Amino acid sequence: MSNPAKPTALGKPLTGHTGAVTSVAFRPDGRTLASGGGEGDRAIRLWDITDPARARPTGEPLTGHSADVESLAYAPNDQTIASAGERPMLWNLDDKQAIRHICQYTGNSLSREEWRHHIGAEIPFTPACP
């Protein structure tokens, strides 16, 4: 019997949480990963995983939990995250909020190519960053 293939990492570890990561969830479209932090952090971070070998954070962390983020789940609409810790919370990730996160990440410049990469061709390009 042959040995199964040994799994390999798709890039460097995602860094940004200041404590342990206690939960993760993939957005249904497969382009974003959410990670929830434990003690010392208690934030939710969103990661652009379009290219897993070069995954990177998008925008500022979502904060509001006063205890570990124990679980995360995306709604089928791709625009809402539910998080559970000391209490459940819902986060609206509508297109405008996503665009604000991307503008922060790109330094308030969003070219047509970056728009297509981060937002998609199905939403017409408009200058979005101040």
C-alpha atoms as a PDB file:
ATOM      1  CA  MET A   1       0.000   0.000   0.000  1.00  0.00           C
ATOM      2  CA  SER A   2       1.408   3.435  -0.927  1.00  0.00           C
ATOM      3  CA  ASN A   3       1.681   6.347   1.487  1.00  0.00           C
ATOM      4  CA  PRO A   4      -0.803   9.172   1.060  1.00  0.00           C
ATOM      5  CA  ALA A   5       0.606  12.466  -0.181  1.00  0.00           C
ATOM      6  CA  LYS A   6       1.949  14.681   2.550  1.00  0.00           C
ATOM      7  CA  PRO A   7      -0.058  17.938   2.765  1.00  0.00           C
ATOM      8  CA  THR A   8       1.936  21.138   2.414  1.00  0.00           C
ATOM      9  CA  ALA A   9       1.189  24.690   3.514  1.00  0.00           C
ATOM     10  CA  LEU A  10      -0.103  27.020   0.798  1.00  0.00           C
ATOM     11  CA  GLY A  11       2.028  29.934   1.984  1.00  0.00           C
ATOM     12  CA  LYS A  12       3.203  31.594   5.142  1.00  0.00           C
ATOM     13  CA  PRO A  13       1.036  31.506   8.286  1.00  0.00           C
ATOM     14  CA  LEU A  14      -1.509  34.324   8.483  1.00  0.00           C
ATOM     15  CA  THR A  15      -0.327  36.726  11.152  1.00  0.00           C
ATOM     16  CA  GLY A  16      -2.150  39.583  12.802  1.00  0.00           C
ATOM     17  CA  HIS A  17      -3.956  38.232  15.831  1.00  0.00           C
ATOM     18  CA  THR A  18      -2.262  39.054  19.128  1.00  0.00           C
ATOM     19  CA  GLY A  19      -3.512  35.880  20.817  1.00  0.00           C
ATOM     20  CA  ALA A  20      -4.633  32.419  19.809  1.00  0.00           C
ATOM     21  CA  VAL A  21      -6.988  31.953  16.863  1.00  0.00           C
ATOM     22  CA  THR A  22     -10.081  30.191  18.171  1.00  0.00           C
ATOM     23  CA  SER A  23     -12.271  29.957  15.065  1.00  0.00           C
ATOM     24  CA  VAL A  24     -12.215  30.246  11.277  1.00  0.00           C
ATOM     25  CA  ALA A  25     -14.813  30.294   8.500  1.00  0.00           C
ATOM     26  CA  PHE A  26     -14.591  30.440   4.711  1.00  0.00           C
ATOM     27  CA  ARG A  27     -16.874  32.873   2.902  1.00  0.00           C
ATOM     28  CA  PRO A  28     -19.133  30.871   0.550  1.00  0.00           C
ATOM     29  CA  ASP A  29     -17.573  32.545  -2.514  1.00  0.00           C
ATOM     30  CA  GLY A  30     -14.198  31.089  -1.473  1.00  0.00           C
ATOM     31  CA  ARG A  31     -12.358  34.425  -1.672  1.00  0.00           C
ATOM     32  CA  THR A  32     -12.284  35.385   2.009  1.00  0.00           C
ATOM     33  CA  LEU A  33     -11.382  33.662   5.265  1.00  0.00           C
ATOM     34  CA  ALA A  34     -12.561  35.032   8.609  1.00  0.00           C
ATOM     35  CA  SER A  35     -10.565  34.244  11.739  1.00  0.00           C
ATOM     36  CA  GLY A  36     -11.654  34.879  15.314  1.00  0.00           C
ATOM     37  CA  GLY A  37      -9.275  35.591  18.158  1.00  0.00           C
ATOM     38  CA  GLY A  38      -9.077  34.392  21.709  1.00  0.00           C
ATOM     39  CA  GLU A  39      -7.835  36.077  24.860  1.00  0.00           C
ATOM     40  CA  GLY A  40      -5.589  39.036  24.190  1.00  0.00           C
ATOM     41  CA  ASP A  41      -7.254  39.750  20.849  1.00  0.00           C
ATOM     42  CA  ARG A  42     -10.971  38.871  20.635  1.00  0.00           C
ATOM     43  CA  ALA A  43     -11.185  40.357  17.143  1.00  0.00           C
ATOM     44  CA  ILE A  44     -12.378  39.028  13.813  1.00  0.00           C
ATOM     45  CA  ARG A  45      -9.988  39.454  10.923  1.00  0.00           C
ATOM     46  CA  LEU A  46     -10.832  39.053   7.249  1.00  0.00           C
ATOM     47  CA  TRP A  47      -8.254  37.634   4.851  1.00  0.00           C
ATOM     48  CA  ASP A  48      -8.132  37.829   1.065  1.00  0.00           C
ATOM     49  CA  ILE A  49      -7.331  34.234   0.080  1.00  0.00           C
ATOM     50  CA  THR A  50      -7.875  34.616  -3.666  1.00  0.00           C
ATOM     51  CA  ASP A  51      -4.223  33.561  -3.997  1.00  0.00           C
ATOM     52  CA  PRO A  52      -3.625  31.335  -0.925  1.00  0.00           C
ATOM     53  CA  ALA A  53       0.151  31.557  -1.310  1.00  0.00           C
ATOM     54  CA  ARG A  54      -0.094  35.344  -0.858  1.00  0.00           C
ATOM     55  CA  ALA A  55      -3.070  35.649   1.497  1.00  0.00           C
ATOM     56  CA  ARG A  56      -3.330  39.022   3.195  1.00  0.00           C
ATOM     57  CA  PRO A  57      -5.599  40.868   5.630  1.00  0.00           C
ATOM     58  CA  THR A  58      -8.338  43.145   4.321  1.00  0.00           C
ATOM     59  CA  GLY A  59      -9.262  46.204   6.338  1.00  0.00           C
ATOM     60  CA  GLU A  60      -9.330  46.705  10.046  1.00  0.00           C
ATOM     61  CA  PRO A  61     -10.294  43.960  12.524  1.00  0.00           C
ATOM     62  CA  LEU A  62     -13.941  43.688  13.565  1.00  0.00           C
ATOM     63  CA  THR A  63     -14.060  44.286  17.305  1.00  0.00           C
ATOM     64  CA  GLY A  64     -16.770  44.132  19.942  1.00  0.00           C
ATOM     65  CA  HIS A  65     -16.446  40.803  21.732  1.00  0.00           C
ATOM     66  CA  SER A  66     -15.349  40.895  25.372  1.00  0.00           C
ATOM     67  CA  ALA A  67     -14.515  37.167  25.417  1.00  0.00           C
ATOM     68  CA  ASP A  68     -13.002  34.682  22.949  1.00  0.00           C
ATOM     69  CA  VAL A  69     -14.593  34.473  19.506  1.00  0.00           C
ATOM     70  CA  GLU A  70     -15.610  30.823  19.750  1.00  0.00           C
ATOM     71  CA  SER A  71     -17.222  30.329  16.355  1.00  0.00           C
ATOM     72  CA  LEU A  72     -17.836  32.081  13.040  1.00  0.00           C
ATOM     73  CA  ALA A  73     -20.260  31.411  10.201  1.00  0.00           C
ATOM     74  CA  TYR A  74     -21.087  33.264   7.000  1.00  0.00           C
ATOM     75  CA  ALA A  75     -24.701  33.682   5.946  1.00  0.00           C
ATOM     76  CA  PRO A  76     -25.592  32.284   2.502  1.00  0.00           C
ATOM     77  CA  ASN A  77     -25.805  35.870   1.175  1.00  0.00           C
ATOM     78  CA  ASP A  78     -21.993  36.286   1.663  1.00  0.00           C
ATOM     79  CA  GLN A  79     -22.638  39.657   3.317  1.00  0.00           C
ATOM     80  CA  THR A  80     -23.219  38.721   6.950  1.00  0.00           C
ATOM     81  CA  ILE A  81     -20.998  36.975   9.492  1.00  0.00           C
ATOM     82  CA  ALA A  82     -22.335  35.543  12.729  1.00  0.00           C
ATOM     83  CA  SER A  83     -19.840  35.293  15.566  1.00  0.00           C
ATOM     84  CA  ALA A  84     -20.285  33.694  18.950  1.00  0.00           C
ATOM     85  CA  GLY A  85     -18.421  34.330  22.150  1.00  0.00           C
ATOM     86  CA  GLU A  86     -19.947  35.578  25.356  1.00  0.00           C
ATOM     87  CA  ARG A  87     -22.929  36.496  23.158  1.00  0.00           C
ATOM     88  CA  PRO A  88     -23.764  36.113  19.469  1.00  0.00           C
ATOM     89  CA  MET A  89     -23.117  39.064  17.156  1.00  0.00           C
ATOM     90  CA  LEU A  90     -23.973  39.744  13.517  1.00  0.00           C
ATOM     91  CA  TRP A  91     -21.670  41.715  11.214  1.00  0.00           C
ATOM     92  CA  ASN A  92     -22.842  43.363   8.003  1.00  0.00           C
ATOM     93  CA  LEU A  93     -20.278  43.002   5.239  1.00  0.00           C
ATOM     94  CA  ASP A  94     -22.207  44.808   2.542  1.00  0.00           C
ATOM     95  CA  ASP A  95     -20.379  45.973  -0.575  1.00  0.00           C
ATOM     96  CA  LYS A  96     -19.845  49.487   0.803  1.00  0.00           C
ATOM     97  CA  GLN A  97     -18.211  48.142   3.949  1.00  0.00           C
ATOM     98  CA  ALA A  98     -16.083  45.755   1.917  1.00  0.00           C
ATOM     99  CA  ILE A  99     -15.008  48.618  -0.340  1.00  0.00           C
ATOM    100  CA  ARG A 100     -14.042  50.708   2.733  1.00  0.00           C
ATOM    101  CA  HIS A 101     -11.922  47.798   4.012  1.00  0.00           C
ATOM    102  CA  ILE A 102     -10.249  47.435   0.627  1.00  0.00           C
ATOM    103  CA  CYS A 103      -9.599  51.179   0.365  1.00  0.00           C
ATOM    104  CA  GLN A 104      -7.913  51.082   3.779  1.00  0.00           C
ATOM    105  CA  TYR A 105      -5.840  48.089   2.703  1.00  0.00           C
ATOM    106  CA  THR A 106      -4.728  49.606  -0.605  1.00  0.00           C
ATOM    107  CA  GLY A 107      -3.891  52.982   0.935  1.00  0.00           C
ATOM    108  CA  ASN A 108      -6.999  54.732  -0.394  1.00  0.00           C
ATOM    109  CA  SER A 109      -6.347  53.955  -4.036  1.00  0.00           C
ATOM    110  CA  LEU A 110      -8.311  51.365  -5.956  1.00  0.00           C
ATOM    111  CA  SER A 111      -7.432  50.872  -9.623  1.00  0.00           C
ATOM    112  CA  ARG A 112      -9.708  49.137 -12.117  1.00  0.00           C
ATOM    113  CA  GLU A 113      -7.516  46.022 -11.861  1.00  0.00           C
ATOM    114  CA  GLU A 114      -7.655  46.009  -8.036  1.00  0.00           C
ATOM    115  CA  TRP A 115     -11.434  46.555  -8.220  1.00  0.00           C
ATOM    116  CA  ARG A 116     -11.796  43.522 -10.498  1.00  0.00           C
ATOM    117  CA  HIS A 117      -9.525  41.426  -8.228  1.00  0.00           C
ATOM    118  CA  HIS A 118     -11.083  42.343  -4.871  1.00  0.00           C
ATOM    119  CA  ILE A 119     -14.690  43.166  -5.776  1.00  0.00           C
ATOM    120  CA  GLY A 120     -15.292  41.370  -9.054  1.00  0.00           C
ATOM    121  CA  ALA A 121     -16.299  42.236 -12.579  1.00  0.00           C
ATOM    122  CA  GLU A 122     -20.016  41.809 -11.856  1.00  0.00           C
ATOM    123  CA  ILE A 123     -20.068  45.163 -10.006  1.00  0.00           C
ATOM    124  CA  PRO A 124     -19.230  48.061 -12.352  1.00  0.00           C
ATOM    125  CA  PHE A 125     -16.048  49.994 -11.477  1.00  0.00           C
ATOM    126  CA  THR A 126     -16.562  53.356  -9.818  1.00  0.00           C
ATOM    127  CA  PRO A 127     -13.891  55.436  -8.083  1.00  0.00           C
ATOM    128  CA  ALA A 128     -14.618  54.377  -4.532  1.00  0.00           C
ATOM    129  CA  CYS A 129     -11.826  55.649  -2.325  1.00  0.00           C
ATOM    130  CA  PRO A 130     -11.699  59.222  -1.038  1.00  0.00           C
END
